[in-house]
Amino acid sequence: NRARNVEDFRSALNYFDFGSQNWIYADVEGNIAYFTSAENPIRSDLAVGPPDGGIPPWFIRDGTGALNHEWAPVS
């Protein structure tokens, strides 16, 4: 199968859930996109945040499952 647009390409990344992969998309219309397909574990033992006491507001840790590439901001 081949992706016909960026939505098809991004949807296909759901099948790559091993390790950390970087993906670049470009088409003849001049659209360029970058995605990562890494899964990030959601762990309750990391809820205290980094050593400086801060925690990025976009990084949700509720102790269940994993965050996949969908958490990454795109525009």
Protein backbone atom coordinates (compact mmCIF):
# COMPACT_ATOMS: atom_id res chain seq x y z
CA ASN A 1 0.00 0.00 0.00
CA ARG A 2 1.03 3.60 -0.56
CA ALA A 3 -0.06 6.72 1.23
CA ARG A 4 -1.89 9.17 -1.00
CA ASN A 5 -1.74 12.07 1.46
CA VAL A 6 -0.38 13.05 4.87
CA GLU A 7 -3.42 11.58 6.65
CA ASP A 8 -2.79 8.16 5.06
CA PHE A 9 0.89 8.42 5.97
CA ARG A 10 0.20 9.32 9.59
CA SER A 11 -2.41 6.58 9.89
CA ALA A 12 0.11 3.99 8.64
CA LEU A 13 2.47 4.90 11.50
CA ASN A 14 0.08 3.13 13.89
CA TYR A 15 1.53 -0.14 12.58
CA PHE A 16 5.09 0.80 13.64
CA ASP A 17 5.11 0.51 17.43
CA PHE A 18 8.58 -0.92 17.95
CA GLY A 19 11.53 1.09 19.16
CA SER A 20 11.83 4.71 18.15
CA GLN A 21 11.59 5.60 14.48
CA ASN A 22 11.72 9.00 12.80
CA TRP A 23 9.59 9.55 9.70
CA ILE A 24 9.70 12.32 7.11
CA TYR A 25 6.80 12.99 4.72
CA ALA A 26 6.90 15.21 1.64
CA ASP A 27 4.59 15.45 -1.35
CA VAL A 28 4.43 17.18 -4.72
CA GLU A 29 2.17 19.89 -3.27
CA GLY A 30 5.01 21.11 -1.03
CA ASN A 31 3.75 19.64 2.24
CA ILE A 32 6.51 18.46 4.57
CA ALA A 33 5.97 16.68 7.89
CA TYR A 34 8.06 14.98 10.58
CA PHE A 35 6.74 12.28 12.90
CA THR A 36 8.19 9.99 15.52
CA SER A 37 6.63 6.62 16.24
CA ALA A 38 8.14 6.01 19.66
CA GLU A 39 5.96 4.79 22.51
CA ASN A 40 6.56 6.57 25.79
CA PRO A 41 5.56 4.66 28.92
CA ILE A 42 3.18 6.29 31.37
CA ARG A 43 4.69 5.46 34.74
CA SER A 44 3.43 6.48 38.15
CA ASP A 45 6.96 6.36 39.58
CA LEU A 46 7.90 9.27 37.32
CA ALA A 47 5.03 11.46 38.53
CA VAL A 48 7.35 13.51 40.74
CA GLY A 49 8.80 15.05 37.60
CA PRO A 50 12.36 15.98 36.74
CA PRO A 51 14.93 16.97 39.42
CA ASP A 52 14.06 20.67 39.17
CA GLY A 53 10.48 19.89 40.26
CA GLY A 54 8.86 20.88 36.97
CA ILE A 55 6.90 18.69 34.60
CA PRO A 56 5.91 19.56 31.05
CA PRO A 57 2.14 20.23 30.99
CA TRP A 58 1.69 18.17 27.81
CA PHE A 59 3.23 15.01 29.29
CA ILE A 60 0.40 13.12 30.97
CA ARG A 61 1.33 10.40 33.46
CA ASP A 62 -1.66 8.56 34.82
CA GLY A 63 -0.01 5.18 35.43
CA THR A 64 -1.73 3.31 32.62
CA GLY A 65 -0.70 2.36 29.11
CA ALA A 66 1.67 4.29 26.89
CA LEU A 67 1.72 7.47 24.86
CA ASN A 68 2.38 6.88 21.19
CA HIS A 69 3.25 9.38 18.47
CA GLU A 70 -0.18 11.02 18.73
CA TRP A 71 0.88 13.08 21.78
CA ALA A 72 3.38 15.05 19.69
CA PRO A 73 2.12 18.48 18.59
CA VAL A 74 1.67 18.96 14.84
CA SER A 75 0.44 21.78 12.67
